[in-house]
Amino acid sequence: MPRKGSTTQRGYGREHQLIRDRLLRLHHEGTPCVRCGEPMYTWQRLQAGHAELSASEGGRAERLEHAECNEEAGRLKAAMLRRRAALPEW
């Protein structure tokens, strides 16, 4: 499914990329991923993740995560928001 908007429009523009670059420079090989607990290495796909708010909600990336873990968290959050939007108003 294609994503809507550019990386900048989705909150992953230049600032986000600079944060990811900084996090990678500070990264210690083998540091555990906060989502799965498995070690992270720079040869793996790593992404700058958000603790609470997503980039589109104004959150700021603050940690490295496995790309798979970060993307799965995004899918779960999107599914939760879709379910919440489908609930009837009381």
PDB file of N, CA and C in Angstrom:
ATOM      1  N   MET A   1       0.847  -1.176   0.000  1.00  0.00           N
ATOM      2  CA  MET A   1       0.000   0.000   0.000  1.00  0.00           C
ATOM      3  C   MET A   1       0.894   1.241   0.000  1.00  0.00           C
ATOM      4  N   PRO A   2       0.741   2.124  -0.975  1.00  0.00           N
ATOM      5  CA  PRO A   2       1.577   3.326  -1.028  1.00  0.00           C
ATOM      6  C   PRO A   2       1.298   4.254   0.147  1.00  0.00           C
ATOM      7  N   ARG A   3       2.349   4.893   0.598  1.00  0.00           N
ATOM      8  CA  ARG A   3       2.215   5.828   1.711  1.00  0.00           C
ATOM      9  C   ARG A   3       1.790   7.183   1.182  1.00  0.00           C
ATOM     10  N   LYS A   4       0.998   7.888   1.964  1.00  0.00           N
ATOM     11  CA  LYS A   4       0.500   9.202   1.547  1.00  0.00           C
ATOM     12  C   LYS A   4       1.497  10.281   1.915  1.00  0.00           C
ATOM     13  N   GLY A   5       1.832  11.120   0.960  1.00  0.00           N
ATOM     14  CA  GLY A   5       2.706  12.252   1.210  1.00  0.00           C
ATOM     15  C   GLY A   5       4.178  11.893   1.135  1.00  0.00           C
ATOM     16  N   SER A   6       4.984  12.930   1.067  1.00  0.00           N
ATOM     17  CA  SER A   6       6.433  12.757   1.014  1.00  0.00           C
ATOM     18  C   SER A   6       6.951  12.407   2.412  1.00  0.00           C
ATOM     19  N   THR A   7       8.228  12.060   2.489  1.00  0.00           N
ATOM     20  CA  THR A   7       8.811  11.764   3.803  1.00  0.00           C
ATOM     21  C   THR A   7       8.701  12.983   4.712  1.00  0.00           C
ATOM     22  N   THR A   8       8.906  14.162   4.167  1.00  0.00           N
ATOM     23  CA  THR A   8       8.788  15.379   4.968  1.00  0.00           C
ATOM     24  C   THR A   8       7.355  15.583   5.442  1.00  0.00           C
ATOM     25  N   GLN A   9       6.386  15.372   4.566  1.00  0.00           N
ATOM     26  CA  GLN A   9       4.979  15.528   4.949  1.00  0.00           C
ATOM     27  C   GLN A   9       4.571  14.519   6.017  1.00  0.00           C
ATOM     28  N   ARG A  10       5.199  13.349   6.007  1.00  0.00           N
ATOM     29  CA  ARG A  10       4.883  12.329   7.004  1.00  0.00           C
ATOM     30  C   ARG A  10       5.693  12.509   8.281  1.00  0.00           C
ATOM     31  N   GLY A  11       6.565  13.533   8.332  1.00  0.00           N
ATOM     32  CA  GLY A  11       7.339  13.799   9.543  1.00  0.00           C
ATOM     33  C   GLY A  11       8.709  13.154   9.564  1.00  0.00           C
ATOM     34  N   TYR A  12       9.176  12.664   8.423  1.00  0.00           N
ATOM     35  CA  TYR A  12      10.472  11.989   8.354  1.00  0.00           C
ATOM     36  C   TYR A  12      11.434  12.718   7.424  1.00  0.00           C
ATOM     37  N   GLY A  13      11.404  14.036   7.451  1.00  0.00           N
ATOM     38  CA  GLY A  13      12.244  14.850   6.585  1.00  0.00           C
ATOM     39  C   GLY A  13      13.654  15.003   7.112  1.00  0.00           C
ATOM     40  N   ARG A  14      14.248  16.112   6.773  1.00  0.00           N
ATOM     41  CA  ARG A  14      15.669  16.363   7.075  1.00  0.00           C
ATOM     42  C   ARG A  14      15.970  16.269   8.569  1.00  0.00           C
ATOM     43  N   GLU A  15      15.132  16.856   9.410  1.00  0.00           N
ATOM     44  CA  GLU A  15      15.399  16.825  10.853  1.00  0.00           C
ATOM     45  C   GLU A  15      15.426  15.386  11.364  1.00  0.00           C
ATOM     46  N   HIS A  16      14.458  14.582  10.940  1.00  0.00           N
ATOM     47  CA  HIS A  16      14.398  13.186  11.366  1.00  0.00           C
ATOM     48  C   HIS A  16      15.646  12.435  10.890  1.00  0.00           C
ATOM     49  N   GLN A  17      16.059  12.699   9.657  1.00  0.00           N
ATOM     50  CA  GLN A  17      17.242  12.026   9.116  1.00  0.00           C
ATOM     51  C   GLN A  17      18.503  12.421   9.873  1.00  0.00           C
ATOM     52  N   LEU A  18      18.591  13.681  10.275  1.00  0.00           N
ATOM     53  CA  LEU A  18      19.750  14.121  11.064  1.00  0.00           C
ATOM     54  C   LEU A  18      19.759  13.454  12.436  1.00  0.00           C
ATOM     55  N   ILE A  19      18.588  13.309  13.032  1.00  0.00           N
ATOM     56  CA  ILE A  19      18.494  12.630  14.331  1.00  0.00           C
ATOM     57  C   ILE A  19      18.944  11.175  14.184  1.00  0.00           C
ATOM     58  N   ARG A  20      18.469  10.494  13.133  1.00  0.00           N
ATOM     59  CA  ARG A  20      18.869   9.101  12.908  1.00  0.00           C
ATOM     60  C   ARG A  20      20.382   8.998  12.709  1.00  0.00           C
ATOM     61  N   ASP A  21      20.957   9.899  11.933  1.00  0.00           N
ATOM     62  CA  ASP A  21      22.408   9.898  11.709  1.00  0.00           C
ATOM     63  C   ASP A  21      23.154  10.061  13.027  1.00  0.00           C
ATOM     64  N   ARG A  22      22.670  10.968  13.875  1.00  0.00           N
ATOM     65  CA  ARG A  22      23.303  11.193  15.184  1.00  0.00           C
ATOM     66  C   ARG A  22      23.191   9.946  16.055  1.00  0.00           C
ATOM     67  N   LEU A  23      22.008   9.342  16.076  1.00  0.00           N
ATOM     68  CA  LEU A  23      21.808   8.127  16.873  1.00  0.00           C
ATOM     69  C   LEU A  23      22.726   7.009  16.386  1.00  0.00           C
ATOM     70  N   LEU A  24      22.910   6.894  15.090  1.00  0.00           N
ATOM     71  CA  LEU A  24      23.806   5.867  14.547  1.00  0.00           C
ATOM     72  C   LEU A  24      25.253   6.122  14.953  1.00  0.00           C
ATOM     73  N   ARG A  25      25.672   7.394  14.953  1.00  0.00           N
ATOM     74  CA  ARG A  25      27.048   7.717  15.354  1.00  0.00           C
ATOM     75  C   ARG A  25      27.282   7.365  16.820  1.00  0.00           C
ATOM     76  N   LEU A  26      26.257   7.525  17.663  1.00  0.00           N
ATOM     77  CA  LEU A  26      26.383   7.257  19.095  1.00  0.00           C
ATOM     78  C   LEU A  26      26.114   5.797  19.462  1.00  0.00           C
ATOM     79  N   HIS A  27      25.649   5.025  18.505  1.00  0.00           N
ATOM     80  CA  HIS A  27      25.240   3.636  18.749  1.00  0.00           C
ATOM     81  C   HIS A  27      26.410   2.751  19.158  1.00  0.00           C
ATOM     82  N   HIS A  28      26.179   1.897  20.129  1.00  0.00           N
ATOM     83  CA  HIS A  28      27.150   0.876  20.543  1.00  0.00           C
ATOM     84  C   HIS A  28      26.658  -0.461  20.021  1.00  0.00           C
ATOM     85  N   GLU A  29      27.486  -1.132  19.238  1.00  0.00           N
ATOM     86  CA  GLU A  29      27.104  -2.416  18.657  1.00  0.00           C
ATOM     87  C   GLU A  29      26.615  -3.363  19.750  1.00  0.00           C
ATOM     88  N   GLY A  30      25.486  -4.020  19.478  1.00  0.00           N
ATOM     89  CA  GLY A  30      24.932  -4.992  20.412  1.00  0.00           C
ATOM     90  C   GLY A  30      23.947  -4.424  21.415  1.00  0.00           C
ATOM     91  N   THR A  31      23.734  -3.102  21.397  1.00  0.00           N
ATOM     92  CA  THR A  31      22.737  -2.499  22.286  1.00  0.00           C
ATOM     93  C   THR A  31      21.384  -3.132  21.985  1.00  0.00           C
ATOM     94  N   PRO A  32      20.619  -3.520  23.031  1.00  0.00           N
ATOM     95  CA  PRO A  32      19.324  -4.156  22.754  1.00  0.00           C
ATOM     96  C   PRO A  32      18.283  -3.183  22.199  1.00  0.00           C
ATOM     97  N   CYS A  33      17.468  -3.694  21.302  1.00  0.00           N
ATOM     98  CA  CYS A  33      16.332  -2.954  20.766  1.00  0.00           C
ATOM     99  C   CYS A  33      15.306  -2.801  21.892  1.00  0.00           C
ATOM    100  N   VAL A  34      14.749  -1.611  22.051  1.00  0.00           N
ATOM    101  CA  VAL A  34      13.776  -1.387  23.126  1.00  0.00           C
ATOM    102  C   VAL A  34      12.471  -2.126  22.882  1.00  0.00           C
ATOM    103  N   ARG A  35      12.215  -2.513  21.656  1.00  0.00           N
ATOM    104  CA  ARG A  35      10.952  -3.200  21.340  1.00  0.00           C
ATOM    105  C   ARG A  35      11.055  -4.714  21.493  1.00  0.00           C
ATOM    106  N   CYS A  36      12.139  -5.321  21.015  1.00  0.00           N
ATOM    107  CA  CYS A  36      12.233  -6.783  21.044  1.00  0.00           C
ATOM    108  C   CYS A  36      13.299  -7.313  21.993  1.00  0.00           C
ATOM    109  N   GLY A  37      14.229  -6.463  22.401  1.00  0.00           N
ATOM    110  CA  GLY A  37      15.281  -6.881  23.315  1.00  0.00           C
ATOM    111  C   GLY A  37      16.475  -7.550  22.649  1.00  0.00           C
ATOM    112  N   GLU A  38      16.390  -7.786  21.344  1.00  0.00           N
ATOM    113  CA  GLU A  38      17.503  -8.410  20.620  1.00  0.00           C
ATOM    114  C   GLU A  38      18.574  -7.361  20.325  1.00  0.00           C
ATOM    115  N   PRO A  39      19.843  -7.793  20.203  1.00  0.00           N
ATOM    116  CA  PRO A  39      20.913  -6.832  19.933  1.00  0.00           C
ATOM    117  C   PRO A  39      20.763  -6.165  18.565  1.00  0.00           C
ATOM    118  N   MET A  40      21.213  -4.919  18.503  1.00  0.00           N
ATOM    119  CA  MET A  40      21.184  -4.162  17.250  1.00  0.00           C
ATOM    120  C   MET A  40      22.615  -3.926  16.780  1.00  0.00           C
ATOM    121  N   TYR A  41      22.804  -4.087  15.464  1.00  0.00           N
ATOM    122  CA  TYR A  41      24.110  -3.871  14.843  1.00  0.00           C
ATOM    123  C   TYR A  41      23.922  -2.960  13.633  1.00  0.00           C
ATOM    124  N   THR A  42      24.936  -2.174  13.327  1.00  0.00           N
ATOM    125  CA  THR A  42      24.811  -1.199  12.248  1.00  0.00           C
ATOM    126  C   THR A  42      24.661  -1.857  10.885  1.00  0.00           C
ATOM    127  N   TRP A  43      24.991  -3.135  10.736  1.00  0.00           N
ATOM    128  CA  TRP A  43      24.776  -3.809   9.449  1.00  0.00           C
ATOM    129  C   TRP A  43      23.307  -4.175   9.254  1.00  0.00           C
ATOM    130  N   GLN A  44      22.503  -4.054  10.320  1.00  0.00           N
ATOM    131  CA  GLN A  44      21.067  -4.308  10.223  1.00  0.00           C
ATOM    132  C   GLN A  44      20.347  -3.027   9.807  1.00  0.00           C
ATOM    133  N   ARG A  45      19.092  -3.177   9.361  1.00  0.00           N
ATOM    134  CA  ARG A  45      18.275  -1.989   9.077  1.00  0.00           C
ATOM    135  C   ARG A  45      17.814  -1.435  10.417  1.00  0.00           C
ATOM    136  N   LEU A  46      18.279  -0.247  10.756  1.00  0.00           N
ATOM    137  CA  LEU A  46      17.889   0.418  11.999  1.00  0.00           C
ATOM    138  C   LEU A  46      17.170   1.712  11.656  1.00  0.00           C
ATOM    139  N   GLN A  47      16.161   2.035  12.442  1.00  0.00           N
ATOM    140  CA  GLN A  47      15.407   3.265  12.230  1.00  0.00           C
ATOM    141  C   GLN A  47      15.347   4.051  13.531  1.00  0.00           C
ATOM    142  N   ALA A  48      15.162   5.351  13.392  1.00  0.00           N
ATOM    143  CA  ALA A  48      14.946   6.211  14.549  1.00  0.00           C
ATOM    144  C   ALA A  48      13.489   6.052  14.961  1.00  0.00           C
ATOM    145  N   GLY A  49      13.259   5.584  16.165  1.00  0.00           N
ATOM    146  CA  GLY A  49      11.905   5.322  16.628  1.00  0.00           C
ATOM    147  C   GLY A  49      11.403   6.375  17.589  1.00  0.00           C
ATOM    148  N   HIS A  50      10.093   6.365  17.780  1.00  0.00           N
ATOM    149  CA  HIS A  50       9.410   7.305  18.669  1.00  0.00           C
ATOM    150  C   HIS A  50       8.865   6.540  19.870  1.00  0.00           C
ATOM    151  N   ALA A  51       9.025   7.101  21.048  1.00  0.00           N
ATOM    152  CA  ALA A  51       8.550   6.430  22.256  1.00  0.00           C
ATOM    153  C   ALA A  51       7.034   6.443  22.334  1.00  0.00           C
ATOM    154  N   GLU A  52       6.405   7.566  22.107  1.00  0.00           N
ATOM    155  CA  GLU A  52       4.955   7.675  22.245  1.00  0.00           C
ATOM    156  C   GLU A  52       4.308   8.196  20.975  1.00  0.00           C
ATOM    157  N   LEU A  53       4.463   9.474  20.717  1.00  0.00           N
ATOM    158  CA  LEU A  53       3.840  10.094  19.549  1.00  0.00           C
ATOM    159  C   LEU A  53       4.622   9.764  18.289  1.00  0.00           C
ATOM    160  N   SER A  54       3.921   9.523  17.211  1.00  0.00           N
ATOM    161  CA  SER A  54       4.584   9.314  15.930  1.00  0.00           C
ATOM    162  C   SER A  54       5.047  10.662  15.380  1.00  0.00           C
ATOM    163  N   ALA A  55       5.838  10.623  14.341  1.00  0.00           N
ATOM    164  CA  ALA A  55       6.323  11.868  13.735  1.00  0.00           C
ATOM    165  C   ALA A  55       5.166  12.727  13.265  1.00  0.00           C
ATOM    166  N   SER A  56       4.141  12.107  12.686  1.00  0.00           N
ATOM    167  CA  SER A  56       3.011  12.889  12.174  1.00  0.00           C
ATOM    168  C   SER A  56       2.200  13.526  13.294  1.00  0.00           C
ATOM    169  N   GLU A  57       2.360  13.023  14.527  1.00  0.00           N
ATOM    170  CA  GLU A  57       1.654  13.589  15.681  1.00  0.00           C
ATOM    171  C   GLU A  57       2.522  14.596  16.435  1.00  0.00           C
ATOM    172  N   GLY A  58       3.677  14.884  15.909  1.00  0.00           N
ATOM    173  CA  GLY A  58       4.548  15.862  16.541  1.00  0.00           C
ATOM    174  C   GLY A  58       5.583  15.255  17.464  1.00  0.00           C
ATOM    175  N   GLY A  59       5.657  13.933  17.510  1.00  0.00           N
ATOM    176  CA  GLY A  59       6.667  13.279  18.331  1.00  0.00           C
ATOM    177  C   GLY A  59       8.032  13.393  17.679  1.00  0.00           C
ATOM    178  N   ARG A  60       9.056  13.241  18.472  1.00  0.00           N
ATOM    179  CA  ARG A  60      10.418  13.355  17.972  1.00  0.00           C
ATOM    180  C   ARG A  60      11.123  12.011  18.161  1.00  0.00           C
ATOM    181  N   ALA A  61      11.826  11.579  17.121  1.00  0.00           N
ATOM    182  CA  ALA A  61      12.582  10.338  17.211  1.00  0.00           C
ATOM    183  C   ALA A  61      13.617  10.475  18.322  1.00  0.00           C
ATOM    184  N   GLU A  62      13.761   9.421  19.117  1.00  0.00           N
ATOM    185  CA  GLU A  62      14.686   9.538  20.235  1.00  0.00           C
ATOM    186  C   GLU A  62      15.533   8.310  20.470  1.00  0.00           C
ATOM    187  N   ARG A  63      15.343   7.259  19.656  1.00  0.00           N
ATOM    188  CA  ARG A  63      16.111   6.040  19.897  1.00  0.00           C
ATOM    189  C   ARG A  63      16.157   5.216  18.620  1.00  0.00           C
ATOM    190  N   LEU A  64      17.163   4.353  18.545  1.00  0.00           N
ATOM    191  CA  LEU A  64      17.243   3.425  17.427  1.00  0.00           C
ATOM    192  C   LEU A  64      16.445   2.175  17.759  1.00  0.00           C
ATOM    193  N   GLU A  65      15.853   1.607  16.735  1.00  0.00           N
ATOM    194  CA  GLU A  65      15.114   0.354  16.855  1.00  0.00           C
ATOM    195  C   GLU A  65      15.362  -0.438  15.586  1.00  0.00           C
ATOM    196  N   HIS A  66      15.184  -1.757  15.654  1.00  0.00           N
ATOM    197  CA  HIS A  66      15.183  -2.539  14.421  1.00  0.00           C
ATOM    198  C   HIS A  66      14.075  -1.992  13.533  1.00  0.00           C
ATOM    199  N   ALA A  67      14.344  -1.889  12.251  1.00  0.00           N
ATOM    200  CA  ALA A  67      13.335  -1.374  11.319  1.00  0.00           C
ATOM    201  C   ALA A  67      12.069  -2.223  11.382  1.00  0.00           C
ATOM    202  N   GLU A  68      12.222  -3.538  11.464  1.00  0.00           N
ATOM    203  CA  GLU A  68      11.060  -4.426  11.518  1.00  0.00           C
ATOM    204  C   GLU A  68      10.223  -4.157  12.761  1.00  0.00           C
ATOM    205  N   CYS A  69      10.879  -3.945  13.891  1.00  0.00           N
ATOM    206  CA  CYS A  69      10.170  -3.663  15.147  1.00  0.00           C
ATOM    207  C   CYS A  69       9.431  -2.333  15.062  1.00  0.00           C
ATOM    208  N   ASN A  70      10.113  -1.317  14.539  1.00  0.00           N
ATOM    209  CA  ASN A  70       9.522   0.013  14.415  1.00  0.00           C
ATOM    210  C   ASN A  70       8.328  -0.007  13.458  1.00  0.00           C
ATOM    211  N   GLU A  71       8.486  -0.680  12.340  1.00  0.00           N
ATOM    212  CA  GLU A  71       7.400  -0.737  11.351  1.00  0.00           C
ATOM    213  C   GLU A  71       6.210  -1.525  11.883  1.00  0.00           C
ATOM    214  N   GLU A  72       6.458  -2.612  12.604  1.00  0.00           N
ATOM    215  CA  GLU A  72       5.366  -3.387  13.196  1.00  0.00           C
ATOM    216  C   GLU A  72       4.619  -2.555  14.233  1.00  0.00           C
ATOM    217  N   ALA A  73       5.349  -1.795  15.040  1.00  0.00           N
ATOM    218  CA  ALA A  73       4.701  -0.919  16.026  1.00  0.00           C
ATOM    219  C   ALA A  73       3.809   0.095  15.316  1.00  0.00           C
ATOM    220  N   GLY A  74       4.269   0.624  14.187  1.00  0.00           N
ATOM    221  CA  GLY A  74       3.461   1.566  13.412  1.00  0.00           C
ATOM    222  C   GLY A  74       2.204   0.924  12.860  1.00  0.00           C
ATOM    223  N   ARG A  75       2.343  -0.315  12.366  1.00  0.00           N
ATOM    224  CA  ARG A  75       1.167  -1.030  11.850  1.00  0.00           C
ATOM    225  C   ARG A  75       0.153  -1.305  12.954  1.00  0.00           C
ATOM    226  N   LEU A  76       0.636  -1.706  14.125  1.00  0.00           N
ATOM    227  CA  LEU A  76      -0.265  -1.976  15.249  1.00  0.00           C
ATOM    228  C   LEU A  76      -0.985  -0.713  15.701  1.00  0.00           C
ATOM    229  N   LYS A  77      -0.240   0.400  15.756  1.00  0.00           N
ATOM    230  CA  LYS A  77      -0.861   1.656  16.168  1.00  0.00           C
ATOM    231  C   LYS A  77      -1.912   2.101  15.143  1.00  0.00           C
ATOM    232  N   ALA A  78      -1.596   1.969  13.862  1.00  0.00           N
ATOM    233  CA  ALA A  78      -2.552   2.353  12.817  1.00  0.00           C
ATOM    234  C   ALA A  78      -3.809   1.492  12.909  1.00  0.00           C
ATOM    235  N   ALA A  79      -3.644   0.197  13.148  1.00  0.00           N
ATOM    236  CA  ALA A  79      -4.803  -0.700  13.268  1.00  0.00           C
ATOM    237  C   ALA A  79      -5.654  -0.307  14.473  1.00  0.00           C
ATOM    238  N   MET A  80      -5.002   0.022  15.589  1.00  0.00           N
ATOM    239  CA  MET A  80      -5.727   0.437  16.781  1.00  0.00           C
ATOM    240  C   MET A  80      -6.521   1.723  16.512  1.00  0.00           C
ATOM    241  N   LEU A  81      -5.909   2.670  15.821  1.00  0.00           N
ATOM    242  CA  LEU A  81      -6.593   3.924  15.513  1.00  0.00           C
ATOM    243  C   LEU A  81      -7.763   3.700  14.563  1.00  0.00           C
ATOM    244  N   ARG A  82      -7.611   2.777  13.612  1.00  0.00           N
ATOM    245  CA  ARG A  82      -8.723   2.454  12.714  1.00  0.00           C
ATOM    246  C   ARG A  82      -9.876   1.825  13.483  1.00  0.00           C
ATOM    247  N   ARG A  83      -9.562   0.903  14.403  1.00  0.00           N
ATOM    248  CA  ARG A  83     -10.616   0.281  15.209  1.00  0.00           C
ATOM    249  C   ARG A  83     -11.310   1.312  16.078  1.00  0.00           C
ATOM    250  N   ARG A  84     -10.533   2.203  16.666  1.00  0.00           N
ATOM    251  CA  ARG A  84     -11.109   3.242  17.524  1.00  0.00           C
ATOM    252  C   ARG A  84     -12.030   4.149  16.715  1.00  0.00           C
ATOM    253  N   ALA A  85     -11.626   4.499  15.498  1.00  0.00           N
ATOM    254  CA  ALA A  85     -12.437   5.375  14.649  1.00  0.00           C
ATOM    255  C   ALA A  85     -13.733   4.678  14.225  1.00  0.00           C
ATOM    256  N   ALA A  86     -13.714   3.344  14.161  1.00  0.00           N
ATOM    257  CA  ALA A  86     -14.903   2.605  13.738  1.00  0.00           C
ATOM    258  C   ALA A  86     -15.913   2.403  14.879  1.00  0.00           C
ATOM    259  N   LEU A  87     -15.520   2.691  16.108  1.00  0.00           N
ATOM    260  CA  LEU A  87     -16.428   2.513  17.234  1.00  0.00           C
ATOM    261  C   LEU A  87     -17.548   3.540  17.181  1.00  0.00           C
ATOM    262  N   PRO A  88     -18.746   3.148  17.580  1.00  0.00           N
ATOM    263  CA  PRO A  88     -19.846   4.108  17.571  1.00  0.00           C
ATOM    264  C   PRO A  88     -19.653   5.173  18.663  1.00  0.00           C
ATOM    265  N   GLU A  89     -20.137   6.345  18.396  1.00  0.00           N
ATOM    266  CA  GLU A  89     -20.084   7.432  19.386  1.00  0.00           C
ATOM    267  C   GLU A  89     -21.165   7.188  20.427  1.00  0.00           C
ATOM    268  N   TRP A  90     -20.878   7.410  21.682  1.00  0.00           N
ATOM    269  CA  TRP A  90     -21.878   7.204  22.744  1.00  0.00           C
ATOM    270  C   TRP A  90     -22.450   8.494  23.178  1.00  0.00           C
TER     271      TRP A  90
END
